[in-house]
C-alpha atoms as a PDB file:
ATOM      1  CA  SER A   1     -61.547  -1.049 -34.891  1.00  0.00           C
ATOM      2  CA  ASP A   2     -60.056   2.323 -33.924  1.00  0.00           C
ATOM      3  CA  SER A   3     -57.092   1.829 -36.240  1.00  0.00           C
ATOM      4  CA  GLY A   4     -59.500   0.837 -39.032  1.00  0.00           C
ATOM      5  CA  SER A   5     -61.625   3.936 -38.495  1.00  0.00           C
ATOM      6  CA  ASP A   6     -58.498   6.115 -38.452  1.00  0.00           C
ATOM      7  CA  SER A   7     -57.378   4.599 -41.745  1.00  0.00           C
ATOM      8  CA  GLU A   8     -60.851   5.161 -43.221  1.00  0.00           C
ATOM      9  CA  ASP A   9     -60.925   8.775 -42.035  1.00  0.00           C
ATOM     10  CA  SER A  10     -57.468   9.375 -43.431  1.00  0.00           C
ATOM     11  CA  SER A  11     -58.520   7.910 -46.773  1.00  0.00           C
ATOM     12  CA  LEU A  12     -61.384  10.431 -47.124  1.00  0.00           C
ATOM     13  CA  SER A  13     -60.897  13.279 -49.520  1.00  0.00           C
ATOM     14  CA  ASP A  14     -61.232  16.957 -48.662  1.00  0.00           C
ATOM     15  CA  SER A  15     -64.595  17.295 -50.384  1.00  0.00           C
ATOM     16  CA  GLU A  16     -66.065  14.412 -48.382  1.00  0.00           C
ATOM     17  CA  LEU A  17     -64.766  15.916 -45.166  1.00  0.00           C
ATOM     18  CA  GLN A  18     -66.316  19.292 -46.019  1.00  0.00           C
ATOM     19  CA  GLU A  19     -69.699  17.659 -46.754  1.00  0.00           C
ATOM     20  CA  ALA A  20     -69.571  15.719 -43.456  1.00  0.00           C
ATOM     21  CA  PHE A  21     -68.749  18.909 -41.569  1.00  0.00           C
ATOM     22  CA  ALA A  22     -71.595  20.777 -43.282  1.00  0.00           C
ATOM     23  CA  THR A  23     -74.147  18.109 -42.377  1.00  0.00           C
ATOM     24  CA  GLY A  24     -72.901  18.043 -38.768  1.00  0.00           C
ATOM     25  CA  ALA A  25     -71.597  14.478 -38.862  1.00  0.00           C
ATOM     26  CA  LEU A  26     -68.042  15.677 -38.225  1.00  0.00           C
ATOM     27  CA  LYS A  27     -67.481  17.151 -34.786  1.00  0.00           C
ATOM     28  CA  PRO A  28     -64.408  19.118 -33.686  1.00  0.00           C
ATOM     29  CA  GLY A  29     -61.868  17.445 -31.406  1.00  0.00           C
ATOM     30  CA  LEU A  30     -59.920  14.194 -31.427  1.00  0.00           C
ATOM     31  CA  ASN A  31     -61.482  12.451 -28.407  1.00  0.00           C
ATOM     32  CA  VAL A  32     -65.003  11.116 -28.294  1.00  0.00           C
ATOM     33  CA  VAL A  33     -66.873  12.292 -25.211  1.00  0.00           C
ATOM     34  CA  LEU A  34     -69.165   9.634 -23.722  1.00  0.00           C
ATOM     35  CA  GLU A  35     -72.415  10.687 -22.192  1.00  0.00           C
ATOM     36  CA  GLU A  36     -72.157   8.265 -19.260  1.00  0.00           C
ATOM     37  CA  ARG A  37     -69.892   5.467 -18.080  1.00  0.00           C
ATOM     38  CA  PRO A  38     -70.908   1.955 -19.146  1.00  0.00           C
ATOM     39  CA  LYS A  39     -72.458  -0.092 -16.390  1.00  0.00           C
ATOM     40  CA  ARG A  40     -70.529  -3.096 -15.192  1.00  0.00           C
ATOM     41  CA  ARG A  41     -72.355  -6.349 -15.552  1.00  0.00           C
ATOM     42  CA  ASN A  42     -72.288  -8.833 -12.682  1.00  0.00           C
ATOM     43  CA  ASP A  43     -74.090 -11.974 -13.875  1.00  0.00           C
ATOM     44  CA  THR A  44     -74.307 -13.945 -10.638  1.00  0.00           C
ATOM     45  CA  ASP A  45     -76.518 -16.672 -12.024  1.00  0.00           C
ATOM     46  CA  GLY A  46     -74.197 -17.261 -14.976  1.00  0.00           C
ATOM     47  CA  LEU A  47     -71.144 -17.457 -12.705  1.00  0.00           C
ATOM     48  CA  LYS A  48     -72.853 -20.006 -10.454  1.00  0.00           C
ATOM     49  CA  GLN A  49     -73.841 -22.087 -13.445  1.00  0.00           C
ATOM     50  CA  CYS A  50     -70.216 -22.117 -14.730  1.00  0.00           C
ATOM     51  CA  LEU A  51     -69.009 -23.068 -11.268  1.00  0.00           C
ATOM     52  CA  ALA A  52     -71.427 -25.976 -11.078  1.00  0.00           C
ATOM     53  CA  GLU A  53     -70.262 -27.225 -14.472  1.00  0.00           C
ATOM     54  CA  PHE A  54     -66.554 -27.626 -13.668  1.00  0.00           C
ATOM     55  CA  ARG A  55     -66.924 -28.458  -9.980  1.00  0.00           C
ATOM     56  CA  GLN A  56     -65.693 -31.912  -9.037  1.00  0.00           C
ATOM     57  CA  GLN A  57     -66.784 -33.823  -5.992  1.00  0.00           C
ATOM     58  CA  LEU A  58     -63.366 -34.328  -4.337  1.00  0.00           C
ATOM     59  CA  THR A  59     -62.238 -34.430  -0.745  1.00  0.00           C
ATOM     60  CA  TRP A  60     -60.929 -31.286   0.912  1.00  0.00           C
ATOM     61  CA  VAL A  61     -57.335 -32.602   0.931  1.00  0.00           C
ATOM     62  CA  GLU A  62     -57.444 -32.729  -2.844  1.00  0.00           C
ATOM     63  CA  ARG A  63     -59.043 -29.291  -3.169  1.00  0.00           C
ATOM     64  CA  LEU A  64     -57.507 -27.304  -0.262  1.00  0.00           C
ATOM     65  CA  ASP A  65     -60.026 -24.487  -0.706  1.00  0.00           C
ATOM     66  CA  VAL A  66     -60.903 -22.158   2.136  1.00  0.00           C
ATOM     67  CA  THR A  67     -63.438 -19.375   1.894  1.00  0.00           C
ATOM     68  CA  LEU A  68     -63.170 -16.912   4.753  1.00  0.00           C
ATOM     69  CA  GLY A  69     -63.279 -13.247   5.475  1.00  0.00           C
ATOM     70  CA  PRO A  70     -60.354 -11.216   6.779  1.00  0.00           C
ATOM     71  CA  VAL A  71     -58.991 -11.950  10.236  1.00  0.00           C
ATOM     72  CA  THR A  72     -59.919  -9.762  13.164  1.00  0.00           C
ATOM     73  CA  ASP A  73     -57.833  -6.600  13.437  1.00  0.00           C
ATOM     74  CA  PRO A  74     -55.893  -6.741  16.753  1.00  0.00           C
ATOM     75  CA  VAL A  75     -55.983  -2.945  17.059  1.00  0.00           C
ATOM     76  CA  SER A  76     -59.668  -2.261  16.472  1.00  0.00           C
ATOM     77  CA  GLN A  77     -60.797  -5.772  17.621  1.00  0.00           C
ATOM     78  CA  ASN A  78     -63.225  -6.087  14.729  1.00  0.00           C
ATOM     79  CA  ALA A  79     -63.239  -7.836  11.379  1.00  0.00           C
ATOM     80  CA  SER A  80     -62.969  -5.350   8.550  1.00  0.00           C
ATOM     81  CA  THR A  81     -65.455  -6.115   5.803  1.00  0.00           C
ATOM     82  CA  SER A  82     -64.902  -5.613   2.127  1.00  0.00           C
ATOM     83  CA  ASP A  83     -67.305  -2.683   2.069  1.00  0.00           C
ATOM     84  CA  ALA A  84     -65.184  -0.785   4.572  1.00  0.00           C
ATOM     85  CA  VAL A  85     -62.038  -1.053   2.432  1.00  0.00           C
ATOM     86  CA  ASP A  86     -61.403   1.799   0.023  1.00  0.00           C
ATOM     87  CA  PRO A  87     -60.314   0.225  -3.303  1.00  0.00           C
ATOM     88  CA  GLU A  88     -58.403   3.375  -4.252  1.00  0.00           C
ATOM     89  CA  ASN A  89     -56.276   3.176  -1.093  1.00  0.00           C
ATOM     90  CA  ASP A  90     -53.364   0.852  -1.839  1.00  0.00           C
ATOM     91  CA  PHE A  91     -52.425   0.296   1.793  1.00  0.00           C
ATOM     92  CA  GLN A  92     -55.945  -0.711   2.889  1.00  0.00           C
ATOM     93  CA  ARG A  93     -56.370  -2.961  -0.133  1.00  0.00           C
ATOM     94  CA  GLU A  94     -53.101  -4.832   0.449  1.00  0.00           C
ATOM     95  CA  MET A  95     -53.813  -5.141   4.174  1.00  0.00           C
ATOM     96  CA  SER A  96     -57.205  -6.686   3.421  1.00  0.00           C
ATOM     97  CA  PHE A  97     -55.517  -9.288   1.184  1.00  0.00           C
ATOM     98  CA  TYR A  98     -52.950 -10.001   3.884  1.00  0.00           C
ATOM     99  CA  ARG A  99     -55.562 -10.464   6.622  1.00  0.00           C
ATOM    100  CA  GLN A 100     -57.720 -12.692   4.439  1.00  0.00           C
ATOM    101  CA  ALA A 101     -54.686 -14.908   3.656  1.00  0.00           C
ATOM    102  CA  GLN A 102     -53.835 -14.960   7.372  1.00  0.00           C
ATOM    103  CA  ALA A 103     -57.356 -16.122   8.235  1.00  0.00           C
ATOM    104  CA  ALA A 104     -57.097 -18.888   5.611  1.00  0.00           C
ATOM    105  CA  VAL A 105     -53.786 -20.093   7.081  1.00  0.00           C
ATOM    106  CA  LEU A 106     -55.175 -20.124  10.633  1.00  0.00           C
ATOM    107  CA  GLU A 107     -58.119 -22.202   9.409  1.00  0.00           C
ATOM    108  CA  ALA A 108     -56.264 -24.620   7.095  1.00  0.00           C
ATOM    109  CA  LEU A 109     -53.207 -25.508   9.222  1.00  0.00           C
ATOM    110  CA  PRO A 110     -55.094 -27.263  12.063  1.00  0.00           C
ATOM    111  CA  ARG A 111     -57.111 -29.242   9.540  1.00  0.00           C
ATOM    112  CA  LEU A 112     -53.930 -30.343   7.747  1.00  0.00           C
ATOM    113  CA  HIS A 113     -52.279 -31.349  11.025  1.00  0.00           C
ATOM    114  CA  LYS A 114     -55.441 -33.300  11.935  1.00  0.00           C
ATOM    115  CA  LEU A 115     -55.227 -35.167   8.621  1.00  0.00           C
ATOM    116  CA  LYS A 116     -51.462 -35.753   9.237  1.00  0.00           C
ATOM    117  CA  VAL A 117     -50.414 -33.837   6.164  1.00  0.00           C
ATOM    118  CA  PRO A 118     -46.862 -32.373   6.456  1.00  0.00           C
ATOM    119  CA  THR A 119     -46.815 -28.604   6.167  1.00  0.00           C
ATOM    120  CA  ARG A 120     -43.058 -27.971   6.412  1.00  0.00           C
ATOM    121  CA  ARG A 121     -40.514 -28.619   3.685  1.00  0.00           C
ATOM    122  CA  PRO A 122     -37.895 -31.264   4.641  1.00  0.00           C
ATOM    123  CA  ASP A 123     -34.191 -30.434   4.613  1.00  0.00           C
ATOM    124  CA  ASP A 124     -33.466 -32.672   1.623  1.00  0.00           C
ATOM    125  CA  TYR A 125     -36.432 -31.396  -0.367  1.00  0.00           C
ATOM    126  CA  PHE A 126     -35.827 -31.272  -4.105  1.00  0.00           C
ATOM    127  CA  ALA A 127     -38.137 -29.182  -6.239  1.00  0.00           C
ATOM    128  CA  GLU A 128     -37.913 -28.826  -9.967  1.00  0.00           C
ATOM    129  CA  MET A 129     -37.235 -25.273 -11.002  1.00  0.00           C
ATOM    130  CA  ALA A 130     -39.704 -23.364 -13.088  1.00  0.00           C
ATOM    131  CA  LYS A 131     -36.963 -22.465 -15.569  1.00  0.00           C
ATOM    132  CA  SER A 132     -35.198 -25.050 -17.665  1.00  0.00           C
ATOM    133  CA  ASP A 133     -31.521 -25.942 -17.398  1.00  0.00           C
ATOM    134  CA  GLN A 134     -30.817 -24.220 -20.709  1.00  0.00           C
ATOM    135  CA  GLN A 135     -32.297 -20.978 -19.430  1.00  0.00           C
ATOM    136  CA  MET A 136     -30.341 -21.188 -16.171  1.00  0.00           C
ATOM    137  CA  GLN A 137     -27.169 -21.928 -18.152  1.00  0.00           C
ATOM    138  CA  LYS A 138     -27.744 -18.797 -20.204  1.00  0.00           C
ATOM    139  CA  ILE A 139     -28.261 -16.782 -17.031  1.00  0.00           C
ATOM    140  CA  ARG A 140     -25.092 -18.253 -15.518  1.00  0.00           C
ATOM    141  CA  GLN A 141     -23.089 -17.440 -18.647  1.00  0.00           C
ATOM    142  CA  LYS A 142     -24.450 -13.925 -18.679  1.00  0.00           C
ATOM    143  CA  LEU A 143     -23.545 -13.368 -15.025  1.00  0.00           C
ATOM    144  CA  LYS A 144     -20.098 -14.843 -15.637  1.00  0.00           C
ATOM    145  CA  SER A 145     -19.490 -12.621 -18.652  1.00  0.00           C
ATOM    146  CA  LYS A 146     -20.648  -9.594 -16.667  1.00  0.00           C
ATOM    147  CA  GLN A 147     -18.281 -10.457 -13.815  1.00  0.00           C
ATOM    148  CA  GLU A 148     -15.380 -10.946 -16.233  1.00  0.00           C
ATOM    149  CA  ALA A 149     -16.168  -7.612 -17.871  1.00  0.00           C
ATOM    150  CA  MET A 150     -16.111  -5.925 -14.466  1.00  0.00           C
ATOM    151  CA  GLU A 151     -12.768  -7.570 -13.641  1.00  0.00           C
ATOM    152  CA  ARG A 152     -11.307  -6.481 -16.970  1.00  0.00           C
ATOM    153  CA  SER A 153     -12.550  -2.967 -16.407  1.00  0.00           C
ATOM    154  CA  GLU A 154     -11.008  -2.926 -12.922  1.00  0.00           C
ATOM    155  CA  LYS A 155      -7.677  -4.209 -14.267  1.00  0.00           C
ATOM    156  CA  ALA A 156      -7.744  -1.596 -17.015  1.00  0.00           C
ATOM    157  CA  LYS A 157      -8.355   1.108 -14.414  1.00  0.00           C
ATOM    158  CA  GLN A 158      -5.422  -0.137 -12.343  1.00  0.00           C
ATOM    159  CA  LEU A 159      -3.149  -0.249 -15.416  1.00  0.00           C
ATOM    160  CA  ARG A 160      -4.162   3.273 -16.373  1.00  0.00           C
ATOM    161  CA  ALA A 161      -3.474   4.470 -12.844  1.00  0.00           C
ATOM    162  CA  MET A 162      -0.066   2.734 -12.811  1.00  0.00           C
ATOM    163  CA  ARG A 163       0.837   4.184 -16.213  1.00  0.00           C
ATOM    164  CA  LYS A 164      -0.243   7.603 -15.060  1.00  0.00           C
ATOM    165  CA  TYR A 165       1.856   7.303 -11.914  1.00  0.00           C
ATOM    166  CA  GLY A 166       4.836   5.958 -13.921  1.00  0.00           C
ATOM    167  CA  LYS A 167       4.613   8.878 -16.347  1.00  0.00           C
ATOM    168  CA  LYS A 168       4.450  11.270 -13.425  1.00  0.00           C
ATOM    169  CA  VAL A 169       7.562   9.755 -11.829  1.00  0.00           C
ATOM    170  CA  GLN A 170       9.362   9.748 -15.184  1.00  0.00           C
ATOM    171  CA  VAL A 171       8.546  13.416 -15.743  1.00  0.00           C
ATOM    172  CA  GLU A 172       9.789  14.271 -12.254  1.00  0.00           C
ATOM    173  CA  ILE A 173      13.052  12.389 -12.857  1.00  0.00           C
ATOM    174  CA  LEU A 174      13.574  14.132 -16.215  1.00  0.00           C
ATOM    175  CA  GLN A 175      12.892  17.514 -14.673  1.00  0.00           C
ATOM    176  CA  LYS A 176      15.339  16.759 -11.868  1.00  0.00           C
ATOM    177  CA  ARG A 177      18.037  15.712 -14.349  1.00  0.00           C
ATOM    178  CA  GLN A 178      17.477  18.805 -16.465  1.00  0.00           C
ATOM    179  CA  LYS A 179      17.711  20.987 -13.386  1.00  0.00           C
ATOM    180  CA  GLU A 180      20.971  19.315 -12.283  1.00  0.00           C
ATOM    181  CA  LYS A 181      22.394  19.641 -15.802  1.00  0.00           C
ATOM    182  CA  LYS A 182      21.450  23.319 -15.922  1.00  0.00           C
ATOM    183  CA  ASN A 183      23.047  23.967 -12.542  1.00  0.00           C
ATOM    184  CA  MET A 184      26.241  22.165 -13.618  1.00  0.00           C
ATOM    185  CA  LEU A 185      26.450  24.151 -16.872  1.00  0.00           C
ATOM    186  CA  ASN A 186      26.004  27.387 -14.949  1.00  0.00           C
ATOM    187  CA  ALA A 187      28.779  26.364 -12.533  1.00  0.00           C
ATOM    188  CA  VAL A 188      31.089  25.489 -15.467  1.00  0.00           C
ATOM    189  CA  LYS A 189      30.417  28.884 -17.088  1.00  0.00           C
ATOM    190  CA  LYS A 190      31.177  30.672 -13.834  1.00  0.00           C
ATOM    191  CA  TYR A 191      34.406  28.693 -13.484  1.00  0.00           C
ATOM    192  CA  GLN A 192      35.450  29.455 -17.056  1.00  0.00           C
ATOM    193  CA  LYS A 193      34.779  33.165 -16.576  1.00  0.00           C
ATOM    194  CA  GLY A 194      36.746  33.188 -13.344  1.00  0.00           C
ATOM    195  CA  LEU A 195      33.755  34.066 -11.186  1.00  0.00           C
ATOM    196  CA  SER A 196      34.234  30.923  -9.082  1.00  0.00           C
ATOM    197  CA  ASP A 197      37.171  28.656  -8.275  1.00  0.00           C
ATOM    198  CA  LYS A 198      35.172  25.736  -6.870  1.00  0.00           C
ATOM    199  CA  LEU A 199      34.831  22.410  -8.667  1.00  0.00           C
ATOM    200  CA  ASP A 200      32.432  20.790  -6.228  1.00  0.00           C
ATOM    201  CA  PHE A 201      29.894  20.073  -8.984  1.00  0.00           C
ATOM    202  CA  LEU A 202      32.309  17.565 -10.543  1.00  0.00           C
ATOM    203  CA  ASP A 203      32.554  15.637  -7.279  1.00  0.00           C
ATOM    204  CA  GLU A 204      28.779  15.698  -6.924  1.00  0.00           C
ATOM    205  CA  GLU A 205      28.345  14.416 -10.469  1.00  0.00           C
ATOM    206  CA  GLN A 206      30.860  11.618  -9.880  1.00  0.00           C
ATOM    207  CA  THR A 207      29.299  10.588  -6.573  1.00  0.00           C
ATOM    208  CA  SER A 208      25.804  10.628  -8.090  1.00  0.00           C
ATOM    209  CA  SER A 209      26.908   8.407 -10.989  1.00  0.00           C
ATOM    210  CA  GLN A 210      28.658   6.015  -8.620  1.00  0.00           C
ATOM    211  CA  GLY A 211      25.595   5.961  -6.409  1.00  0.00           C
ATOM    212  CA  ASN A 212      23.364   5.041  -9.335  1.00  0.00           C
ATOM    213  CA  LYS A 213      25.653   2.132 -10.270  1.00  0.00           C
ATOM    214  CA  LYS A 214      26.528   0.745  -6.862  1.00  0.00           C
ATOM    215  CA  GLY A 215      23.475   1.690  -4.864  1.00  0.00           C
ATOM    216  CA  SER A 216      22.718   4.359  -2.355  1.00  0.00           C
ATOM    217  CA  ALA A 217      25.673   6.178  -0.824  1.00  0.00           C
ATOM    218  CA  SER A 218      24.425   5.611   2.708  1.00  0.00           C
ATOM    219  CA  GLN A 219      24.612   1.849   2.240  1.00  0.00           C
ATOM    220  CA  ARG A 220      28.044   1.910   0.565  1.00  0.00           C
ATOM    221  CA  THR A 221      29.922   4.271   2.875  1.00  0.00           C
ATOM    222  CA  LYS A 222      32.319   2.751   5.420  1.00  0.00           C
ATOM    223  CA  LYS A 223      34.210   4.134   8.352  1.00  0.00           C
ATOM    224  CA  GLY A 224      37.767   4.849   7.149  1.00  0.00           C
ATOM    225  CA  PRO A 225      39.681   3.440   4.159  1.00  0.00           C
ATOM    226  CA  ASN A 226      39.848  -0.253   3.382  1.00  0.00           C
ATOM    227  CA  ALA A 227      42.873  -2.531   3.912  1.00  0.00           C
ATOM    228  CA  LYS A 228      44.311  -1.995   0.430  1.00  0.00           C
ATOM    229  CA  ARG A 229      44.152   1.768   0.797  1.00  0.00           C
ATOM    230  CA  ARG A 230      45.790   1.636   4.243  1.00  0.00           C
ATOM    231  CA  TYR A 231      48.651  -0.513   2.889  1.00  0.00           C
ATOM    232  CA  LYS A 232      49.304   1.877   0.017  1.00  0.00           C
ATOM    233  CA  ASN A 233      49.187   4.867   2.336  1.00  0.00           C
ATOM    234  CA  GLN A 234      51.710   3.206   4.604  1.00  0.00           C
ATOM    235  CA  LYS A 235      54.014   2.303   1.710  1.00  0.00           C
ATOM    236  CA  PHE A 236      53.806   5.373  -0.510  1.00  0.00           C
ATOM    237  CA  GLY A 237      52.538   8.061   1.813  1.00  0.00           C
ATOM    238  CA  PHE A 238      49.438  10.203   1.600  1.00  0.00           C
ATOM    239  CA  GLY A 239      50.395  12.314  -1.403  1.00  0.00           C
ATOM    240  CA  GLY A 240      51.098  16.017  -1.284  1.00  0.00           C
ATOM    241  CA  LYS A 241      54.584  17.599  -1.047  1.00  0.00           C
ATOM    242  CA  LYS A 242      57.486  15.156  -1.538  1.00  0.00           C
ATOM    243  CA  LYS A 243      60.436  17.561  -1.674  1.00  0.00           C
ATOM    244  CA  GLY A 244      62.298  17.841   1.617  1.00  0.00           C
ATOM    245  CA  SER A 245      60.302  15.049   3.215  1.00  0.00           C
ATOM    246  CA  LYS A 246      63.577  13.257   4.240  1.00  0.00           C
ATOM    247  CA  TRP A 247      65.290  16.247   5.788  1.00  0.00           C
ATOM    248  CA  ASN A 248      66.406  15.884   9.374  1.00  0.00           C
ATOM    249  CA  THR A 249      64.670  17.778  12.075  1.00  0.00           C
ATOM    250  CA  LYS A 250      65.593  18.355  15.678  1.00  0.00           C
ATOM    251  CA  GLU A 251      63.457  15.424  16.791  1.00  0.00           C
ATOM    252  CA  SER A 252      64.863  13.060  14.123  1.00  0.00           C
ATOM    253  CA  PHE A 253      68.457  14.141  14.891  1.00  0.00           C
ATOM    254  CA  ASN A 254      68.070  13.371  18.590  1.00  0.00           C
ATOM    255  CA  ASP A 255      66.339  10.048  17.878  1.00  0.00           C
ATOM    256  CA  ILE A 256      69.063   7.321  17.719  1.00  0.00           C
ATOM    257  CA  SER A 257      66.807   4.334  18.232  1.00  0.00           C
ATOM    258  CA  SER A 258      67.406   3.106  14.681  1.00  0.00           C
ATOM    259  CA  PHE A 259      71.206   3.661  14.736  1.00  0.00           C
ATOM    260  CA  GLN A 260      73.328   0.593  13.843  1.00  0.00           C
ATOM    261  CA  SER A 261      77.089   0.854  14.429  1.00  0.00           C
ATOM    262  CA  LYS A 262      78.025  -2.038  12.169  1.00  0.00           C
ATOM    263  CA  VAL A 263      76.257  -0.499   9.249  1.00  0.00           C
ATOM    264  CA  ALA A 264      77.691   2.954  10.010  1.00  0.00           C
ATOM    265  CA  HIS A 265      81.371   1.680  10.111  1.00  0.00           C
ATOM    266  CA  ASN A 266      81.014  -0.688   7.133  1.00  0.00           C
ATOM    267  CA  LYS A 267      81.470  -3.781   9.288  1.00  0.00           C
ATOM    268  CA  GLY A 268      78.348  -5.515   8.233  1.00  0.00           C
ATOM    269  CA  PRO A 269      78.115  -8.214   5.567  1.00  0.00           C
ATOM    270  CA  GLY A 270      78.782  -6.795   2.128  1.00  0.00           C
ATOM    271  CA  LYS A 271      79.992  -3.444   3.491  1.00  0.00           C
ATOM    272  CA  GLY A 272      83.810  -3.804   3.645  1.00  0.00           C
ATOM    273  CA  GLY A 273      84.352  -6.511   6.313  1.00  0.00           C
ATOM    274  CA  ARG A 274      86.867  -9.287   6.120  1.00  0.00           C
ATOM    275  CA  GLY A 275      84.533 -11.759   4.557  1.00  0.00           C
ATOM    276  CA  GLY A 276      82.732  -9.145   2.487  1.00  0.00           C
ATOM    277  CA  LYS A 277      83.124  -8.068  -1.042  1.00  0.00           C
ATOM    278  CA  GLY A 278      84.273  -4.585  -0.144  1.00  0.00           C
ATOM    279  CA  GLY A 279      87.565  -5.613   1.574  1.00  0.00           C
ATOM    280  CA  LYS A 280      91.169  -5.390   0.389  1.00  0.00           C
ATOM    281  CA  LYS A 281      90.306  -7.026  -2.880  1.00  0.00           C
ATOM    282  CA  ALA A 282      87.919  -4.243  -3.594  1.00  0.00           C
ATOM    283  CA  LEU A 283      90.586  -1.632  -2.811  1.00  0.00           C
ATOM    284  CA  ASN A 284      93.206  -3.262  -5.118  1.00  0.00           C
ATOM    285  CA  LYS A 285      90.755  -3.591  -7.966  1.00  0.00           C
ATOM    286  CA  ARG A 286      91.772  -1.674 -11.100  1.00  0.00           C
ATOM    287  CA  PRO A 287      89.387   1.128 -12.073  1.00  0.00           C
ATOM    288  CA  GLY A 288      87.442   0.943 -15.288  1.00  0.00           C
ATOM    289  CA  LYS A 289      88.149   2.579 -18.641  1.00  0.00           C
ATOM    290  CA  ARG A 290      85.769   5.486 -18.162  1.00  0.00           C
ATOM    291  CA  ALA A 291      87.141   6.136 -14.677  1.00  0.00           C
ATOM    292  CA  ARG A 292      90.728   6.195 -16.019  1.00  0.00           C
ATOM    293  CA  GLN A 293      89.717   8.632 -18.767  1.00  0.00           C
ATOM    294  CA  LYS A 294      88.167  10.942 -16.206  1.00  0.00           C
ATOM    295  CA  MET A 295      91.302  10.825 -14.068  1.00  0.00           C
ATOM    296  CA  LYS A 296      93.456  11.724 -17.112  1.00  0.00           C
ATOM    297  CA  ASN A 297      91.193  14.645 -17.944  1.00  0.00           C
ATOM    298  CA  ARG A 298      91.459  15.936 -14.428  1.00  0.00           C
ATOM    299  CA  ALA A 299      95.307  15.588 -14.435  1.00  0.00           C
ATOM    300  CA  ARG A 300      95.504  17.698 -17.582  1.00  0.00           C
END
């Protein structure tokens, strides 16, 4: 009705509105002020008549109706009536409902036990749900999809964190490499200009590359050289100066532990003995052509 009146008012022209305002039919303001509140109607006789019409004469077990007032308040030791409850106070109103329901339970339970009606739900009780299986399936699917979305979001957060950490580590490694390269170039420039005669940066670069290929240097280092290196050191020496390494010293001259008389006097096998190749046959052997030519040159 209000929407209809609004549409009618809006459909009025300006001239009609001016005439209504001049006659006093149109009042200022949007809200209609009522002179007094409408009285509430409580038709007791009509309510009783309706109750008598649909009332059925059944036993109390079939009806289970209890009409009681609120239970006695244990604090004030008196039964609070409905007139004493303030309807605008939510706490008092809810407490009155609670105490009235409590009084109904205290009255109905003994009567049910007397009639041998079970009041507790058995362990294997099966009750049909208010919602259908299709509705519960939809709810289950929705909860499942929400859980999967949360898991995907959590995985995405973890991947983003891992990528962020990986980029951070990669940037640190690149910065470290650039710093090492810069330091090496500066050392090379100093060496080329003659400001430094150290080549330690080459050894560091070689050891770092070997460490990257074979693992950490602490795990690869061993105490002393290996067997192959020891054999080569024993056979070929340790490098360094070779000239004059076989010169006799005072200690080597006095040391005659390795002296062999047979070898020194050519009496050993193959050194001029009777059965050797360097005996009389070797002395009577004619010299070669080049040796004869040299002897002729010297005689001249």
